[in-house]
Amino acid sequence: MASESGPAVRYPTFKYRPYPDFEPRDTLALTSRAAVLSTGAGVFVAALKASLGPSRTSLGSIITHSRYIWLYGAVGTAYTVGEAVTANLHQKESAWNTFVGGMLAGGVMGASYKNGARVSKVIGGAIALGTILGLAHWTGNFNGYDRKEAAKQSSGEPVEVEKGDRQTFWQVVHRRPLSQTIDELGDLVRPIK
């Protein structure tokens, strides 16, 4: 309701983001590309760890840090396989695809601990990484909606959106003045003096 003293309070409406239409994925091509890229990242991390450690020959110390090479390669490959296979089986784009890929990658990470792969580490890593990645995908990858897309969804028609700063998940671009907040809350909140 609009009060006599100020504008009406507008509460946000939440709409689910529509997923794009499904396109079948070439699992073998995606997996081989992910394996090469993630193994390359593992080689980079192993070389970085070798350069920061005690001085030895370059190649020998990279080989001693080969744990990172296979770990990065296996995690990237497991995520891509899980995500692509789930998408092809469900034949739709959803956060479940990312969740399953994250669970496989988390299971590989849990199995790679030095003290031995205990079932609790594998299951815990799978659930933790799968949940984090699935929620990240479901919430719009922590970047929020595109402003034009959000305007289309709320009204059903394309709307011109003013140019300006874009507010993402982690940023607050526009803030409400404290005096306006205190006026709206009334006697519930009193500022500390």
N, C-alpha and C. Protein backbone atom coordinates (compact mmCIF):
# COMPACT_ATOMS: atom_id res chain seq x y z
N MET A 1 0.83 -1.18 0.00
CA MET A 1 0.00 0.00 0.00
C MET A 1 0.87 1.24 0.00
N ALA A 2 0.40 2.24 -0.67
CA ALA A 2 1.14 3.50 -0.71
C ALA A 2 0.74 4.34 0.48
N SER A 3 1.73 4.83 1.18
CA SER A 3 1.43 5.71 2.30
C SER A 3 1.34 7.14 1.79
N GLU A 4 0.75 7.98 2.60
CA GLU A 4 0.58 9.37 2.21
C GLU A 4 1.91 10.10 2.15
N SER A 5 2.90 9.65 2.92
CA SER A 5 4.15 10.40 3.01
C SER A 5 5.17 10.02 1.94
N GLY A 6 5.05 8.88 1.32
CA GLY A 6 6.09 8.48 0.39
C GLY A 6 5.59 7.50 -0.65
N PRO A 7 6.49 7.05 -1.50
CA PRO A 7 6.10 6.13 -2.57
C PRO A 7 5.79 4.74 -2.02
N ALA A 8 5.07 3.99 -2.82
CA ALA A 8 4.72 2.62 -2.43
C ALA A 8 5.98 1.76 -2.42
N VAL A 9 6.01 0.80 -1.54
CA VAL A 9 7.13 -0.11 -1.45
C VAL A 9 6.93 -1.18 -2.51
N ARG A 10 7.96 -1.39 -3.32
CA ARG A 10 7.90 -2.41 -4.36
C ARG A 10 8.79 -3.57 -3.94
N TYR A 11 8.19 -4.72 -3.75
CA TYR A 11 8.95 -5.89 -3.38
C TYR A 11 9.38 -6.62 -4.65
N PRO A 12 10.56 -7.23 -4.64
CA PRO A 12 11.03 -7.90 -5.85
C PRO A 12 10.22 -9.16 -6.11
N THR A 13 10.06 -9.47 -7.37
CA THR A 13 9.43 -10.73 -7.76
C THR A 13 10.53 -11.61 -8.33
N PHE A 14 10.50 -12.86 -7.95
CA PHE A 14 11.53 -13.78 -8.38
C PHE A 14 10.97 -14.67 -9.47
N LYS A 15 11.68 -14.75 -10.55
CA LYS A 15 11.28 -15.60 -11.66
C LYS A 15 12.43 -16.56 -11.94
N TYR A 16 12.06 -17.77 -12.31
CA TYR A 16 13.09 -18.72 -12.67
C TYR A 16 13.61 -18.38 -14.05
N ARG A 17 14.90 -18.57 -14.21
CA ARG A 17 15.55 -18.29 -15.49
C ARG A 17 15.21 -19.42 -16.45
N PRO A 18 14.67 -19.10 -17.61
CA PRO A 18 14.41 -20.18 -18.56
C PRO A 18 15.72 -20.67 -19.16
N TYR A 19 15.86 -21.96 -19.23
CA TYR A 19 17.07 -22.52 -19.80
C TYR A 19 16.97 -22.49 -21.32
N PRO A 20 18.10 -22.39 -22.00
CA PRO A 20 18.07 -22.39 -23.46
C PRO A 20 17.63 -23.76 -23.98
N ASP A 21 17.25 -23.79 -25.23
CA ASP A 21 16.84 -25.05 -25.85
C ASP A 21 18.02 -26.02 -25.85
N PHE A 22 17.68 -27.30 -25.75
CA PHE A 22 18.71 -28.33 -25.67
C PHE A 22 19.32 -28.57 -27.04
N GLU A 23 20.63 -28.68 -27.06
CA GLU A 23 21.36 -29.10 -28.24
C GLU A 23 22.23 -30.28 -27.83
N PRO A 24 22.14 -31.41 -28.54
CA PRO A 24 22.95 -32.57 -28.17
C PRO A 24 24.44 -32.22 -28.15
N ARG A 25 25.13 -32.83 -27.21
CA ARG A 25 26.56 -32.54 -27.04
C ARG A 25 27.39 -33.71 -27.52
N ASP A 26 28.48 -33.39 -28.17
CA ASP A 26 29.44 -34.40 -28.60
C ASP A 26 30.34 -34.70 -27.41
N THR A 27 29.99 -35.74 -26.67
CA THR A 27 30.66 -36.04 -25.42
C THR A 27 32.14 -36.34 -25.62
N LEU A 28 32.47 -37.08 -26.66
CA LEU A 28 33.86 -37.45 -26.89
C LEU A 28 34.72 -36.22 -27.20
N ALA A 29 34.23 -35.33 -28.04
CA ALA A 29 35.00 -34.12 -28.39
C ALA A 29 35.15 -33.21 -27.17
N LEU A 30 34.07 -33.02 -26.43
CA LEU A 30 34.13 -32.16 -25.24
C LEU A 30 35.07 -32.74 -24.19
N THR A 31 35.00 -34.06 -24.01
CA THR A 31 35.84 -34.71 -23.00
C THR A 31 37.31 -34.65 -23.38
N SER A 32 37.63 -34.90 -24.63
CA SER A 32 39.04 -34.85 -25.03
C SER A 32 39.58 -33.42 -24.92
N ARG A 33 38.78 -32.44 -25.27
CA ARG A 33 39.22 -31.04 -25.14
C ARG A 33 39.43 -30.69 -23.66
N ALA A 34 38.49 -31.10 -22.81
CA ALA A 34 38.62 -30.81 -21.38
C ALA A 34 39.82 -31.53 -20.78
N ALA A 35 40.09 -32.75 -21.24
CA ALA A 35 41.24 -33.50 -20.72
C ALA A 35 42.54 -32.80 -21.08
N VAL A 36 42.64 -32.32 -22.30
CA VAL A 36 43.87 -31.63 -22.72
C VAL A 36 44.04 -30.32 -21.95
N LEU A 37 42.97 -29.54 -21.86
CA LEU A 37 43.07 -28.25 -21.17
C LEU A 37 43.35 -28.41 -19.67
N SER A 38 42.64 -29.33 -19.02
CA SER A 38 42.84 -29.48 -17.58
C SER A 38 44.19 -30.14 -17.27
N THR A 39 44.66 -31.04 -18.13
CA THR A 39 46.00 -31.60 -17.93
C THR A 39 47.06 -30.53 -18.15
N GLY A 40 46.84 -29.65 -19.11
CA GLY A 40 47.75 -28.52 -19.30
C GLY A 40 47.80 -27.61 -18.08
N ALA A 41 46.63 -27.39 -17.47
CA ALA A 41 46.60 -26.60 -16.23
C ALA A 41 47.35 -27.34 -15.13
N GLY A 42 47.24 -28.67 -15.09
CA GLY A 42 47.98 -29.45 -14.10
C GLY A 42 49.48 -29.36 -14.31
N VAL A 43 49.93 -29.37 -15.57
CA VAL A 43 51.36 -29.21 -15.86
C VAL A 43 51.83 -27.84 -15.40
N PHE A 44 51.02 -26.82 -15.63
CA PHE A 44 51.37 -25.46 -15.19
C PHE A 44 51.50 -25.40 -13.67
N VAL A 45 50.55 -26.00 -12.95
CA VAL A 45 50.61 -25.99 -11.48
C VAL A 45 51.80 -26.80 -10.99
N ALA A 46 52.08 -27.94 -11.63
CA ALA A 46 53.24 -28.75 -11.22
C ALA A 46 54.54 -27.98 -11.47
N ALA A 47 54.64 -27.28 -12.59
CA ALA A 47 55.84 -26.49 -12.86
C ALA A 47 55.97 -25.35 -11.87
N LEU A 48 54.85 -24.75 -11.51
CA LEU A 48 54.87 -23.66 -10.53
C LEU A 48 55.32 -24.18 -9.16
N LYS A 49 54.77 -25.32 -8.74
CA LYS A 49 55.18 -25.92 -7.46
C LYS A 49 56.65 -26.31 -7.50
N ALA A 50 57.11 -26.82 -8.64
CA ALA A 50 58.51 -27.22 -8.75
C ALA A 50 59.43 -26.01 -8.69
N SER A 51 59.02 -24.91 -9.27
CA SER A 51 59.89 -23.72 -9.25
C SER A 51 59.93 -23.07 -7.88
N LEU A 52 58.91 -23.26 -7.07
CA LEU A 52 58.89 -22.67 -5.74
C LEU A 52 59.54 -23.56 -4.69
N GLY A 53 59.77 -24.82 -5.04
CA GLY A 53 60.37 -25.76 -4.09
C GLY A 53 61.89 -25.70 -4.13
N PRO A 54 62.53 -26.68 -3.48
CA PRO A 54 64.00 -26.72 -3.50
C PRO A 54 64.50 -26.90 -4.93
N SER A 55 65.65 -26.32 -5.22
CA SER A 55 66.15 -26.32 -6.61
C SER A 55 66.63 -27.72 -7.00
N ARG A 56 66.06 -28.21 -8.06
CA ARG A 56 66.46 -29.47 -8.68
C ARG A 56 66.42 -29.23 -10.18
N THR A 57 66.61 -30.28 -10.91
CA THR A 57 66.45 -30.12 -12.35
C THR A 57 64.98 -29.91 -12.65
N SER A 58 64.70 -29.16 -13.67
CA SER A 58 63.32 -28.77 -13.96
C SER A 58 62.43 -29.97 -14.24
N LEU A 59 62.88 -30.84 -15.14
CA LEU A 59 62.04 -31.95 -15.54
C LEU A 59 61.83 -32.92 -14.39
N GLY A 60 62.87 -33.18 -13.63
CA GLY A 60 62.75 -34.11 -12.51
C GLY A 60 61.79 -33.62 -11.45
N SER A 61 61.82 -32.33 -11.18
CA SER A 61 60.92 -31.83 -10.14
C SER A 61 59.48 -31.74 -10.63
N ILE A 62 59.29 -31.53 -11.92
CA ILE A 62 57.92 -31.55 -12.44
C ILE A 62 57.36 -32.97 -12.33
N ILE A 63 58.19 -33.96 -12.58
CA ILE A 63 57.74 -35.34 -12.48
C ILE A 63 57.40 -35.69 -11.04
N THR A 64 58.17 -35.16 -10.08
CA THR A 64 57.85 -35.44 -8.68
C THR A 64 56.53 -34.79 -8.28
N HIS A 65 56.13 -33.76 -8.97
CA HIS A 65 54.84 -33.11 -8.69
C HIS A 65 53.77 -33.57 -9.68
N SER A 66 53.94 -34.75 -10.25
CA SER A 66 52.99 -35.23 -11.26
C SER A 66 51.61 -35.51 -10.68
N ARG A 67 51.51 -35.55 -9.38
CA ARG A 67 50.21 -35.73 -8.73
C ARG A 67 49.23 -34.65 -9.21
N TYR A 68 49.71 -33.43 -9.35
CA TYR A 68 48.85 -32.33 -9.78
C TYR A 68 48.45 -32.48 -11.24
N ILE A 69 49.33 -33.04 -12.03
CA ILE A 69 49.03 -33.21 -13.45
C ILE A 69 47.85 -34.16 -13.63
N TRP A 70 47.95 -35.34 -13.02
CA TRP A 70 46.86 -36.29 -13.21
C TRP A 70 45.60 -35.86 -12.47
N LEU A 71 45.75 -35.18 -11.33
CA LEU A 71 44.57 -34.74 -10.58
C LEU A 71 43.77 -33.72 -11.38
N TYR A 72 44.44 -32.71 -11.90
CA TYR A 72 43.74 -31.70 -12.69
C TYR A 72 43.11 -32.32 -13.94
N GLY A 73 43.85 -33.20 -14.61
CA GLY A 73 43.31 -33.86 -15.79
C GLY A 73 42.10 -34.71 -15.47
N ALA A 74 42.17 -35.46 -14.38
CA ALA A 74 41.05 -36.34 -14.01
C ALA A 74 39.83 -35.54 -13.57
N VAL A 75 40.03 -34.47 -12.81
CA VAL A 75 38.90 -33.66 -12.34
C VAL A 75 38.20 -32.98 -13.51
N GLY A 76 38.96 -32.37 -14.41
CA GLY A 76 38.36 -31.71 -15.57
C GLY A 76 37.63 -32.68 -16.47
N THR A 77 38.23 -33.85 -16.68
CA THR A 77 37.61 -34.86 -17.52
C THR A 77 36.34 -35.41 -16.87
N ALA A 78 36.40 -35.70 -15.58
CA ALA A 78 35.23 -36.24 -14.88
C ALA A 78 34.07 -35.25 -14.91
N TYR A 79 34.35 -33.98 -14.68
CA TYR A 79 33.28 -32.98 -14.72
C TYR A 79 32.64 -32.91 -16.10
N THR A 80 33.46 -32.88 -17.13
CA THR A 80 32.92 -32.75 -18.49
C THR A 80 32.12 -33.99 -18.89
N VAL A 81 32.62 -35.17 -18.55
CA VAL A 81 31.89 -36.40 -18.87
C VAL A 81 30.54 -36.41 -18.16
N GLY A 82 30.54 -36.12 -16.87
CA GLY A 82 29.29 -36.13 -16.11
C GLY A 82 28.29 -35.12 -16.61
N GLU A 83 28.75 -33.93 -16.91
CA GLU A 83 27.85 -32.87 -17.36
C GLU A 83 27.30 -33.17 -18.76
N ALA A 84 28.14 -33.62 -19.67
CA ALA A 84 27.70 -33.88 -21.05
C ALA A 84 26.79 -35.11 -21.12
N VAL A 85 27.14 -36.18 -20.41
CA VAL A 85 26.32 -37.39 -20.45
C VAL A 85 24.95 -37.13 -19.82
N THR A 86 24.91 -36.41 -18.71
CA THR A 86 23.63 -36.11 -18.07
C THR A 86 22.77 -35.23 -18.97
N ALA A 87 23.37 -34.26 -19.62
CA ALA A 87 22.61 -33.40 -20.53
C ALA A 87 22.05 -34.21 -21.69
N ASN A 88 22.84 -35.12 -22.24
CA ASN A 88 22.35 -35.93 -23.35
C ASN A 88 21.28 -36.92 -22.92
N LEU A 89 21.38 -37.46 -21.71
CA LEU A 89 20.36 -38.40 -21.24
C LEU A 89 19.04 -37.70 -20.92
N HIS A 90 19.11 -36.54 -20.28
CA HIS A 90 17.89 -35.79 -19.94
C HIS A 90 17.34 -35.04 -21.13
N GLN A 91 18.17 -34.74 -22.08
CA GLN A 91 17.84 -33.94 -23.26
C GLN A 91 17.28 -32.58 -22.87
N LYS A 92 17.91 -31.96 -21.89
CA LYS A 92 17.56 -30.58 -21.53
C LYS A 92 18.72 -29.96 -20.77
N GLU A 93 18.75 -28.63 -20.80
CA GLU A 93 19.75 -27.87 -20.07
C GLU A 93 19.20 -27.59 -18.68
N SER A 94 19.93 -27.98 -17.66
CA SER A 94 19.47 -27.70 -16.31
C SER A 94 20.66 -27.72 -15.35
N ALA A 95 20.39 -27.30 -14.14
CA ALA A 95 21.44 -27.30 -13.12
C ALA A 95 21.80 -28.72 -12.69
N TRP A 96 20.93 -29.68 -12.96
CA TRP A 96 21.24 -31.07 -12.61
C TRP A 96 22.45 -31.57 -13.39
N ASN A 97 22.61 -31.11 -14.62
CA ASN A 97 23.78 -31.52 -15.40
C ASN A 97 25.06 -31.08 -14.71
N THR A 98 25.07 -29.83 -14.26
CA THR A 98 26.24 -29.30 -13.57
C THR A 98 26.44 -30.00 -12.23
N PHE A 99 25.34 -30.32 -11.56
CA PHE A 99 25.42 -31.01 -10.27
C PHE A 99 26.08 -32.38 -10.42
N VAL A 100 25.66 -33.14 -11.43
CA VAL A 100 26.23 -34.47 -11.63
C VAL A 100 27.71 -34.37 -12.03
N GLY A 101 28.04 -33.44 -12.91
CA GLY A 101 29.44 -33.24 -13.27
C GLY A 101 30.28 -32.85 -12.07
N GLY A 102 29.74 -31.96 -11.23
CA GLY A 102 30.44 -31.56 -10.02
C GLY A 102 30.60 -32.70 -9.03
N MET A 103 29.60 -33.59 -8.96
CA MET A 103 29.73 -34.74 -8.07
C MET A 103 30.84 -35.68 -8.53
N LEU A 104 30.92 -35.91 -9.83
CA LEU A 104 32.00 -36.77 -10.32
C LEU A 104 33.37 -36.13 -10.07
N ALA A 105 33.48 -34.84 -10.34
CA ALA A 105 34.76 -34.15 -10.11
C ALA A 105 35.10 -34.12 -8.63
N GLY A 106 34.12 -33.89 -7.77
CA GLY A 106 34.36 -33.89 -6.33
C GLY A 106 34.75 -35.26 -5.81
N GLY A 107 34.18 -36.31 -6.40
CA GLY A 107 34.58 -37.66 -6.02
C GLY A 107 36.02 -37.96 -6.38
N VAL A 108 36.45 -37.49 -7.55
CA VAL A 108 37.85 -37.67 -7.95
C VAL A 108 38.76 -36.89 -7.01
N MET A 109 38.35 -35.67 -6.66
CA MET A 109 39.17 -34.88 -5.72
C MET A 109 39.24 -35.56 -4.36
N GLY A 110 38.11 -36.11 -3.89
CA GLY A 110 38.10 -36.79 -2.60
C GLY A 110 38.96 -38.04 -2.61
N ALA A 111 39.04 -38.71 -3.75
CA ALA A 111 39.84 -39.93 -3.85
C ALA A 111 41.33 -39.64 -3.94
N SER A 112 41.70 -38.40 -4.14
CA SER A 112 43.11 -38.08 -4.37
C SER A 112 43.87 -37.68 -3.11
N TYR A 113 43.25 -37.74 -1.95
CA TYR A 113 43.95 -37.35 -0.72
C TYR A 113 45.13 -38.26 -0.45
N LYS A 114 46.19 -37.71 0.13
CA LYS A 114 47.41 -38.48 0.37
C LYS A 114 47.22 -39.57 1.42
N ASN A 115 46.35 -39.34 2.38
CA ASN A 115 46.18 -40.30 3.48
C ASN A 115 45.33 -41.49 3.09
N GLY A 116 44.99 -41.61 1.87
CA GLY A 116 44.19 -42.73 1.43
C GLY A 116 42.78 -42.28 1.09
N ALA A 117 42.21 -42.95 0.13
CA ALA A 117 40.87 -42.58 -0.31
C ALA A 117 39.86 -43.29 0.57
N ARG A 118 39.34 -42.58 1.52
CA ARG A 118 38.29 -43.14 2.35
C ARG A 118 36.95 -42.79 1.71
N VAL A 119 35.99 -43.64 1.94
CA VAL A 119 34.68 -43.44 1.33
C VAL A 119 34.07 -42.12 1.77
N SER A 120 34.30 -41.73 3.01
CA SER A 120 33.73 -40.47 3.48
C SER A 120 34.30 -39.27 2.74
N LYS A 121 35.59 -39.32 2.39
CA LYS A 121 36.19 -38.22 1.64
C LYS A 121 35.65 -38.17 0.22
N VAL A 122 35.47 -39.31 -0.38
CA VAL A 122 34.96 -39.36 -1.75
C VAL A 122 33.52 -38.86 -1.79
N ILE A 123 32.69 -39.36 -0.89
CA ILE A 123 31.29 -38.95 -0.87
C ILE A 123 31.16 -37.49 -0.45
N GLY A 124 31.93 -37.07 0.55
CA GLY A 124 31.87 -35.67 0.99
C GLY A 124 32.31 -34.71 -0.10
N GLY A 125 33.40 -35.04 -0.78
CA GLY A 125 33.86 -34.19 -1.88
C GLY A 125 32.86 -34.14 -3.01
N ALA A 126 32.25 -35.29 -3.31
CA ALA A 126 31.26 -35.33 -4.39
C ALA A 126 30.04 -34.48 -4.06
N ILE A 127 29.52 -34.63 -2.86
CA ILE A 127 28.32 -33.87 -2.48
C ILE A 127 28.64 -32.38 -2.40
N ALA A 128 29.78 -32.04 -1.82
CA ALA A 128 30.12 -30.62 -1.64
C ALA A 128 30.32 -29.92 -2.99
N LEU A 129 31.16 -30.47 -3.85
CA LEU A 129 31.43 -29.80 -5.12
C LEU A 129 30.21 -29.84 -6.03
N GLY A 130 29.48 -30.95 -6.03
CA GLY A 130 28.27 -31.01 -6.85
C GLY A 130 27.24 -29.99 -6.42
N THR A 131 27.05 -29.84 -5.12
CA THR A 131 26.09 -28.86 -4.62
C THR A 131 26.52 -27.44 -4.94
N ILE A 132 27.78 -27.13 -4.73
CA ILE A 132 28.27 -25.77 -4.99
C ILE A 132 28.12 -25.43 -6.47
N LEU A 133 28.55 -26.32 -7.36
CA LEU A 133 28.46 -26.03 -8.79
C LEU A 133 27.02 -26.03 -9.29
N GLY A 134 26.19 -26.94 -8.77
CA GLY A 134 24.79 -26.95 -9.18
C GLY A 134 24.06 -25.69 -8.76
N LEU A 135 24.29 -25.25 -7.53
CA LEU A 135 23.66 -24.01 -7.07
C LEU A 135 24.19 -22.80 -7.83
N ALA A 136 25.47 -22.81 -8.14
CA ALA A 136 26.03 -21.70 -8.91
C ALA A 136 25.37 -21.61 -10.28
N HIS A 137 25.16 -22.75 -10.92
CA HIS A 137 24.51 -22.74 -12.23
C HIS A 137 23.05 -22.33 -12.11
N TRP A 138 22.38 -22.82 -11.09
CA TRP A 138 20.95 -22.54 -10.91
C TRP A 138 20.69 -21.06 -10.61
N THR A 139 21.62 -20.40 -9.92
CA THR A 139 21.42 -18.99 -9.57
C THR A 139 21.92 -18.05 -10.65
N GLY A 140 22.34 -18.55 -11.78
CA GLY A 140 22.79 -17.67 -12.85
C GLY A 140 24.29 -17.46 -12.83
N ASN A 141 25.03 -18.43 -12.32
CA ASN A 141 26.49 -18.38 -12.28
C ASN A 141 27.02 -17.19 -11.51
N PHE A 142 26.33 -16.80 -10.47
CA PHE A 142 26.73 -15.71 -9.57
C PHE A 142 26.90 -14.37 -10.27
N ASN A 143 26.37 -14.24 -11.46
CA ASN A 143 26.39 -12.95 -12.14
C ASN A 143 25.00 -12.34 -12.20
N GLY A 144 24.01 -13.08 -11.77
CA GLY A 144 22.65 -12.57 -11.81
C GLY A 144 22.12 -12.57 -13.23
N TYR A 145 20.95 -12.02 -13.38
CA TYR A 145 20.32 -11.95 -14.68
C TYR A 145 20.92 -10.83 -15.51
N ASP A 146 20.81 -10.99 -16.79
CA ASP A 146 21.05 -9.87 -17.66
C ASP A 146 19.86 -8.92 -17.49
N ARG A 147 20.10 -7.64 -17.43
CA ARG A 147 19.03 -6.69 -17.09
C ARG A 147 17.92 -6.71 -18.14
N LYS A 148 18.28 -6.81 -19.41
CA LYS A 148 17.25 -6.83 -20.45
C LYS A 148 16.42 -8.11 -20.36
N GLU A 149 17.09 -9.21 -20.09
CA GLU A 149 16.37 -10.48 -19.97
C GLU A 149 15.42 -10.45 -18.78
N ALA A 150 15.84 -9.86 -17.67
CA ALA A 150 14.97 -9.76 -16.50
C ALA A 150 13.77 -8.87 -16.78
N ALA A 151 13.98 -7.81 -17.54
CA ALA A 151 12.86 -6.92 -17.88
C ALA A 151 11.87 -7.63 -18.78
N LYS A 152 12.35 -8.46 -19.71
CA LYS A 152 11.46 -9.22 -20.58
C LYS A 152 10.63 -10.21 -19.78
N GLN A 153 11.28 -10.87 -18.81
CA GLN A 153 10.59 -11.90 -18.04
C GLN A 153 9.51 -11.31 -17.15
N SER A 154 9.76 -10.16 -16.57
CA SER A 154 8.78 -9.61 -15.63
C SER A 154 7.56 -9.06 -16.34
N SER A 155 7.71 -8.52 -17.54
CA SER A 155 6.56 -7.92 -18.22
C SER A 155 6.05 -8.77 -19.37
N GLY A 156 6.87 -9.66 -19.87
CA GLY A 156 6.45 -10.48 -20.99
C GLY A 156 6.77 -9.85 -22.33
N GLU A 157 7.15 -8.58 -22.35
CA GLU A 157 7.47 -7.89 -23.59
C GLU A 157 8.86 -7.28 -23.47
N PRO A 158 9.52 -7.09 -24.62
CA PRO A 158 10.83 -6.43 -24.56
C PRO A 158 10.70 -5.01 -24.03
N VAL A 159 11.61 -4.64 -23.16
CA VAL A 159 11.58 -3.33 -22.53
C VAL A 159 12.94 -2.68 -22.71
N GLU A 160 12.94 -1.40 -23.01
CA GLU A 160 14.20 -0.67 -23.10
C GLU A 160 14.73 -0.45 -21.69
N VAL A 161 15.97 -0.82 -21.48
CA VAL A 161 16.59 -0.66 -20.17
C VAL A 161 17.62 0.45 -20.29
N GLU A 162 17.63 1.33 -19.30
CA GLU A 162 18.56 2.46 -19.35
C GLU A 162 20.00 1.97 -19.25
N LYS A 163 20.86 2.72 -19.88
CA LYS A 163 22.28 2.39 -19.82
C LYS A 163 22.82 2.79 -18.46
N GLY A 164 23.77 2.07 -17.97
CA GLY A 164 24.36 2.40 -16.68
C GLY A 164 25.08 1.21 -16.10
N ASP A 165 25.43 1.33 -14.85
CA ASP A 165 26.15 0.26 -14.19
C ASP A 165 25.26 -0.96 -14.05
N ARG A 166 25.85 -2.12 -14.22
CA ARG A 166 25.11 -3.36 -14.09
C ARG A 166 25.41 -3.96 -12.73
N GLN A 167 24.37 -4.33 -12.03
CA GLN A 167 24.54 -4.90 -10.71
C GLN A 167 24.65 -6.41 -10.84
N THR A 168 25.73 -6.98 -10.31
CA THR A 168 25.91 -8.42 -10.35
C THR A 168 25.61 -9.00 -8.98
N PHE A 169 25.85 -10.29 -8.84
CA PHE A 169 25.51 -10.98 -7.60
C PHE A 169 26.28 -10.42 -6.42
N TRP A 170 27.54 -10.05 -6.61
CA TRP A 170 28.39 -9.64 -5.51
C TRP A 170 28.45 -8.13 -5.33
N GLN A 171 27.84 -7.38 -6.19
CA GLN A 171 27.94 -5.92 -6.11
C GLN A 171 26.61 -5.30 -5.71
N VAL A 172 26.71 -4.14 -5.11
CA VAL A 172 25.53 -3.32 -4.85
C VAL A 172 25.81 -1.98 -5.52
N VAL A 173 25.11 -1.72 -6.63
CA VAL A 173 25.35 -0.50 -7.39
C VAL A 173 24.47 0.62 -6.86
N HIS A 174 23.21 0.32 -6.60
CA HIS A 174 22.27 1.34 -6.14
C HIS A 174 21.88 1.02 -4.71
N ARG A 175 22.06 1.96 -3.82
CA ARG A 175 21.72 1.76 -2.42
C ARG A 175 20.60 2.69 -2.02
N ARG A 176 19.81 2.25 -1.09
CA ARG A 176 18.73 3.06 -0.54
C ARG A 176 19.30 3.91 0.59
N PRO A 177 18.94 5.17 0.65
CA PRO A 177 19.46 6.01 1.73
C PRO A 177 18.97 5.51 3.09
N LEU A 178 19.80 5.68 4.12
CA LEU A 178 19.47 5.23 5.46
C LEU A 178 18.23 5.94 5.98
N SER A 179 18.08 7.21 5.67
CA SER A 179 16.91 7.96 6.15
C SER A 179 15.62 7.37 5.59
N GLN A 180 15.64 6.93 4.33
CA GLN A 180 14.44 6.32 3.74
C GLN A 180 14.14 4.99 4.41
N THR A 181 15.15 4.21 4.71
CA THR A 181 14.95 2.93 5.38
C THR A 181 14.35 3.14 6.76
N ILE A 182 14.87 4.11 7.51
CA ILE A 182 14.36 4.39 8.85
C ILE A 182 12.92 4.88 8.78
N ASP A 183 12.60 5.72 7.79
CA ASP A 183 11.22 6.20 7.64
C ASP A 183 10.27 5.05 7.35
N GLU A 184 10.69 4.08 6.52
CA GLU A 184 9.81 2.97 6.18
C GLU A 184 9.63 2.01 7.35
N LEU A 185 10.68 1.81 8.14
CA LEU A 185 10.58 0.88 9.26
C LEU A 185 9.90 1.51 10.47
N GLY A 186 9.96 2.80 10.58
CA GLY A 186 9.29 3.49 11.68
C GLY A 186 10.02 3.29 12.99
N ASP A 187 9.27 2.96 14.04
CA ASP A 187 9.82 2.84 15.38
C ASP A 187 10.55 1.52 15.62
N LEU A 188 10.56 0.65 14.64
CA LEU A 188 11.23 -0.63 14.82
C LEU A 188 12.74 -0.47 14.95
N VAL A 189 13.28 0.52 14.28
CA VAL A 189 14.73 0.72 14.28
C VAL A 189 15.01 2.15 14.71
N ARG A 190 15.92 2.28 15.65
CA ARG A 190 16.36 3.61 16.07
C ARG A 190 17.86 3.67 15.85
N PRO A 191 18.35 4.68 15.17
CA PRO A 191 19.80 4.76 14.96
C PRO A 191 20.54 5.01 16.27
N ILE A 192 21.74 4.47 16.35
CA ILE A 192 22.58 4.66 17.53
C ILE A 192 23.19 6.05 17.47
N LYS A 193 23.08 6.78 18.57
CA LYS A 193 23.63 8.14 18.59
C LYS A 193 24.76 8.23 19.55
